[in-house]
Amino acid sequence: MTRAAATYLIIEVATVCEKLHSRVRDHFPKVPWRRIAGMRNIAAHAYDEVNDDVVWDVLAVFMPQLVRDLGLPERPGDPIVLPPGLDTA
């Protein structure tokens, strides 16, 4: 059950990343957008190929780094401050 929940979280985060406007993705060139999409595809469609160690690394190392790279708040309820250039519609 834990493995399924962890894999689902990866799929959900990657799906949100895929739906971001290209202007947002372009603003963060260090973020490996293609790798995120690739991991989602493997987790969603080739689940028999998902390695538990990779899932753990994604959740324990990559996700926190993604939060930092995007400048997202680390705790729920903290305000989201958009970088200059993305703070207007």
N, C-alpha and C. Protein backbone atom coordinates (compact mmCIF):
# COMPACT_ATOMS: atom_id res chain seq x y z
N MET A 1 0.83 -1.18 0.00
CA MET A 1 0.00 0.00 0.00
C MET A 1 0.88 1.26 0.00
N THR A 2 1.96 1.24 0.76
CA THR A 2 2.86 2.39 0.82
C THR A 2 3.50 2.63 -0.54
N ARG A 3 3.91 1.56 -1.20
CA ARG A 3 4.52 1.69 -2.52
C ARG A 3 3.53 2.30 -3.51
N ALA A 4 2.30 1.84 -3.47
CA ALA A 4 1.28 2.37 -4.37
C ALA A 4 1.03 3.86 -4.11
N ALA A 5 0.99 4.24 -2.84
CA ALA A 5 0.77 5.65 -2.49
C ALA A 5 1.94 6.51 -2.95
N ALA A 6 3.14 6.01 -2.77
CA ALA A 6 4.33 6.76 -3.18
C ALA A 6 4.36 6.94 -4.70
N THR A 7 4.05 5.87 -5.41
CA THR A 7 4.02 5.93 -6.87
C THR A 7 2.93 6.89 -7.35
N TYR A 8 1.78 6.85 -6.70
CA TYR A 8 0.68 7.75 -7.06
C TYR A 8 1.07 9.21 -6.85
N LEU A 9 1.78 9.50 -5.76
CA LEU A 9 2.23 10.87 -5.50
C LEU A 9 3.15 11.35 -6.61
N ILE A 10 4.06 10.49 -7.05
CA ILE A 10 4.96 10.84 -8.15
C ILE A 10 4.16 11.14 -9.41
N ILE A 11 3.19 10.31 -9.70
CA ILE A 11 2.35 10.52 -10.88
C ILE A 11 1.61 11.85 -10.78
N GLU A 12 1.04 12.14 -9.62
CA GLU A 12 0.27 13.38 -9.44
C GLU A 12 1.15 14.62 -9.60
N VAL A 13 2.31 14.62 -8.98
CA VAL A 13 3.21 15.78 -9.08
C VAL A 13 3.66 15.97 -10.53
N ALA A 14 4.02 14.89 -11.18
CA ALA A 14 4.46 14.98 -12.58
C ALA A 14 3.34 15.46 -13.49
N THR A 15 2.13 15.03 -13.23
CA THR A 15 0.99 15.47 -14.04
C THR A 15 0.78 16.97 -13.90
N VAL A 16 0.88 17.48 -12.69
CA VAL A 16 0.77 18.93 -12.48
C VAL A 16 1.89 19.65 -13.22
N CYS A 17 3.10 19.13 -13.13
CA CYS A 17 4.24 19.75 -13.82
C CYS A 17 4.01 19.80 -15.33
N GLU A 18 3.46 18.72 -15.87
CA GLU A 18 3.20 18.68 -17.31
C GLU A 18 2.18 19.71 -17.74
N LYS A 19 1.26 20.07 -16.85
CA LYS A 19 0.20 21.02 -17.19
C LYS A 19 0.60 22.48 -16.98
N LEU A 20 1.79 22.71 -16.44
CA LEU A 20 2.24 24.09 -16.25
C LEU A 20 2.40 24.78 -17.59
N HIS A 21 2.11 26.03 -17.62
CA HIS A 21 2.28 26.83 -18.82
C HIS A 21 3.76 26.82 -19.21
N SER A 22 4.03 26.84 -20.49
CA SER A 22 5.42 26.81 -20.96
C SER A 22 6.22 27.99 -20.42
N ARG A 23 5.56 29.12 -20.17
CA ARG A 23 6.26 30.28 -19.61
C ARG A 23 6.80 29.97 -18.22
N VAL A 24 6.06 29.19 -17.47
CA VAL A 24 6.53 28.79 -16.13
C VAL A 24 7.70 27.83 -16.27
N ARG A 25 7.56 26.83 -17.12
CA ARG A 25 8.65 25.87 -17.31
C ARG A 25 9.90 26.56 -17.83
N ASP A 26 9.74 27.49 -18.75
CA ASP A 26 10.89 28.22 -19.30
C ASP A 26 11.59 29.06 -18.24
N HIS A 27 10.84 29.52 -17.25
CA HIS A 27 11.40 30.35 -16.18
C HIS A 27 12.32 29.54 -15.26
N PHE A 28 12.17 28.23 -15.27
CA PHE A 28 12.96 27.35 -14.40
C PHE A 28 13.72 26.32 -15.26
N PRO A 29 14.74 26.78 -16.00
CA PRO A 29 15.44 25.87 -16.92
C PRO A 29 16.23 24.76 -16.23
N LYS A 30 16.55 24.92 -14.95
CA LYS A 30 17.31 23.88 -14.24
C LYS A 30 16.45 22.66 -13.89
N VAL A 31 15.15 22.84 -13.86
CA VAL A 31 14.25 21.74 -13.51
C VAL A 31 14.21 20.76 -14.68
N PRO A 32 14.47 19.48 -14.40
CA PRO A 32 14.48 18.48 -15.48
C PRO A 32 13.07 18.04 -15.89
N TRP A 33 12.38 18.93 -16.58
CA TRP A 33 10.98 18.69 -16.94
C TRP A 33 10.79 17.38 -17.70
N ARG A 34 11.70 17.07 -18.63
CA ARG A 34 11.55 15.84 -19.42
C ARG A 34 11.73 14.59 -18.56
N ARG A 35 12.64 14.67 -17.60
CA ARG A 35 12.83 13.53 -16.70
C ARG A 35 11.61 13.32 -15.82
N ILE A 36 10.99 14.43 -15.41
CA ILE A 36 9.77 14.33 -14.60
C ILE A 36 8.68 13.63 -15.40
N ALA A 37 8.52 14.05 -16.64
CA ALA A 37 7.51 13.42 -17.51
C ALA A 37 7.84 11.95 -17.75
N GLY A 38 9.11 11.65 -17.93
CA GLY A 38 9.52 10.26 -18.15
C GLY A 38 9.24 9.38 -16.95
N MET A 39 9.51 9.91 -15.77
CA MET A 39 9.24 9.14 -14.55
C MET A 39 7.74 8.90 -14.40
N ARG A 40 6.95 9.89 -14.73
CA ARG A 40 5.51 9.73 -14.67
C ARG A 40 5.04 8.62 -15.62
N ASN A 41 5.58 8.63 -16.83
CA ASN A 41 5.17 7.62 -17.80
C ASN A 41 5.53 6.22 -17.34
N ILE A 42 6.71 6.07 -16.77
CA ILE A 42 7.11 4.76 -16.27
C ILE A 42 6.21 4.34 -15.11
N ALA A 43 6.01 5.26 -14.17
CA ALA A 43 5.19 4.93 -12.99
C ALA A 43 3.75 4.60 -13.37
N ALA A 44 3.23 5.30 -14.38
CA ALA A 44 1.83 5.11 -14.76
C ALA A 44 1.60 3.95 -15.72
N HIS A 45 2.58 3.69 -16.58
CA HIS A 45 2.34 2.73 -17.65
C HIS A 45 3.24 1.51 -17.62
N ALA A 46 4.37 1.61 -16.96
CA ALA A 46 5.30 0.48 -16.91
C ALA A 46 5.63 0.18 -15.45
N TYR A 47 4.57 0.12 -14.64
CA TYR A 47 4.74 0.00 -13.20
C TYR A 47 5.54 -1.22 -12.78
N ASP A 48 5.59 -2.24 -13.63
CA ASP A 48 6.40 -3.41 -13.31
C ASP A 48 7.89 -3.12 -13.41
N GLU A 49 8.24 -1.98 -14.00
CA GLU A 49 9.64 -1.58 -14.13
C GLU A 49 10.06 -0.57 -13.06
N VAL A 50 9.14 -0.16 -12.20
CA VAL A 50 9.44 0.83 -11.18
C VAL A 50 10.28 0.18 -10.08
N ASN A 51 11.40 0.80 -9.81
CA ASN A 51 12.33 0.32 -8.79
C ASN A 51 12.03 1.05 -7.48
N ASP A 52 11.87 0.28 -6.40
CA ASP A 52 11.55 0.89 -5.10
C ASP A 52 12.61 1.88 -4.65
N ASP A 53 13.87 1.61 -4.93
CA ASP A 53 14.94 2.54 -4.55
C ASP A 53 14.81 3.86 -5.31
N VAL A 54 14.41 3.79 -6.56
CA VAL A 54 14.22 5.01 -7.35
C VAL A 54 13.04 5.80 -6.79
N VAL A 55 11.95 5.11 -6.47
CA VAL A 55 10.78 5.79 -5.89
C VAL A 55 11.20 6.51 -4.61
N TRP A 56 11.95 5.84 -3.75
CA TRP A 56 12.40 6.46 -2.51
C TRP A 56 13.26 7.69 -2.79
N ASP A 57 14.20 7.57 -3.73
CA ASP A 57 15.07 8.71 -4.06
C ASP A 57 14.26 9.89 -4.60
N VAL A 58 13.26 9.59 -5.41
CA VAL A 58 12.43 10.67 -5.95
C VAL A 58 11.72 11.39 -4.81
N LEU A 59 11.15 10.64 -3.88
CA LEU A 59 10.40 11.26 -2.78
C LEU A 59 11.30 11.92 -1.75
N ALA A 60 12.42 11.31 -1.45
CA ALA A 60 13.28 11.81 -0.37
C ALA A 60 14.27 12.88 -0.83
N VAL A 61 14.67 12.82 -2.09
CA VAL A 61 15.72 13.74 -2.58
C VAL A 61 15.18 14.68 -3.65
N PHE A 62 14.58 14.11 -4.69
CA PHE A 62 14.19 14.92 -5.84
C PHE A 62 13.03 15.86 -5.54
N MET A 63 11.98 15.35 -4.89
CA MET A 63 10.81 16.21 -4.61
C MET A 63 11.17 17.41 -3.74
N PRO A 64 11.92 17.22 -2.63
CA PRO A 64 12.30 18.40 -1.85
C PRO A 64 13.16 19.39 -2.67
N GLN A 65 14.01 18.85 -3.53
CA GLN A 65 14.82 19.73 -4.38
C GLN A 65 13.95 20.49 -5.37
N LEU A 66 12.94 19.83 -5.91
CA LEU A 66 12.00 20.48 -6.82
C LEU A 66 11.27 21.62 -6.11
N VAL A 67 10.84 21.38 -4.90
CA VAL A 67 10.17 22.42 -4.10
C VAL A 67 11.10 23.62 -3.94
N ARG A 68 12.36 23.37 -3.61
CA ARG A 68 13.32 24.47 -3.45
C ARG A 68 13.57 25.18 -4.77
N ASP A 69 13.78 24.41 -5.85
CA ASP A 69 14.06 25.01 -7.17
C ASP A 69 12.93 25.91 -7.64
N LEU A 70 11.70 25.52 -7.33
CA LEU A 70 10.54 26.31 -7.76
C LEU A 70 10.20 27.42 -6.77
N GLY A 71 10.89 27.45 -5.64
CA GLY A 71 10.63 28.48 -4.64
C GLY A 71 9.29 28.31 -3.96
N LEU A 72 8.84 27.08 -3.86
CA LEU A 72 7.55 26.81 -3.23
C LEU A 72 7.71 26.77 -1.72
N PRO A 73 6.65 27.06 -0.98
CA PRO A 73 6.73 26.97 0.48
C PRO A 73 6.92 25.52 0.91
N GLU A 74 7.67 25.34 1.96
CA GLU A 74 7.94 23.99 2.44
C GLU A 74 6.84 23.46 3.35
N ARG A 75 6.01 24.36 3.89
CA ARG A 75 4.94 23.94 4.79
C ARG A 75 3.59 24.38 4.23
N PRO A 76 2.58 23.55 4.39
CA PRO A 76 1.24 23.95 3.97
C PRO A 76 0.82 25.23 4.69
N GLY A 77 0.18 26.10 3.95
CA GLY A 77 -0.30 27.34 4.54
C GLY A 77 0.66 28.51 4.38
N ASP A 78 1.94 28.21 4.12
CA ASP A 78 2.88 29.31 3.87
C ASP A 78 2.53 29.95 2.53
N PRO A 79 2.72 31.26 2.40
CA PRO A 79 2.35 31.93 1.16
C PRO A 79 3.25 31.53 0.00
N ILE A 80 2.67 31.54 -1.17
CA ILE A 80 3.43 31.30 -2.41
C ILE A 80 3.77 32.66 -2.98
N VAL A 81 5.05 32.89 -3.19
CA VAL A 81 5.51 34.16 -3.75
C VAL A 81 6.05 33.84 -5.15
N LEU A 82 5.38 34.40 -6.15
CA LEU A 82 5.79 34.16 -7.52
C LEU A 82 7.00 35.01 -7.87
N PRO A 83 7.94 34.45 -8.64
CA PRO A 83 9.11 35.23 -9.05
C PRO A 83 8.70 36.34 -10.00
N PRO A 84 9.51 37.40 -10.07
CA PRO A 84 9.23 38.48 -11.02
C PRO A 84 9.09 37.90 -12.45
N GLY A 85 8.13 38.40 -13.16
CA GLY A 85 7.87 37.91 -14.50
C GLY A 85 6.77 36.87 -14.54
N LEU A 86 6.56 36.21 -13.44
CA LEU A 86 5.47 35.23 -13.37
C LEU A 86 4.35 35.72 -12.47
N ASP A 87 4.55 36.89 -11.88
CA ASP A 87 3.56 37.39 -10.92
C ASP A 87 2.46 38.19 -11.58
N THR A 88 2.43 38.23 -12.91
CA THR A 88 1.35 38.90 -13.63
C THR A 88 0.72 37.92 -14.62
N ALA A 89 -0.51 38.13 -14.92
CA ALA A 89 -1.22 37.24 -15.84
C ALA A 89 -0.84 37.51 -17.26
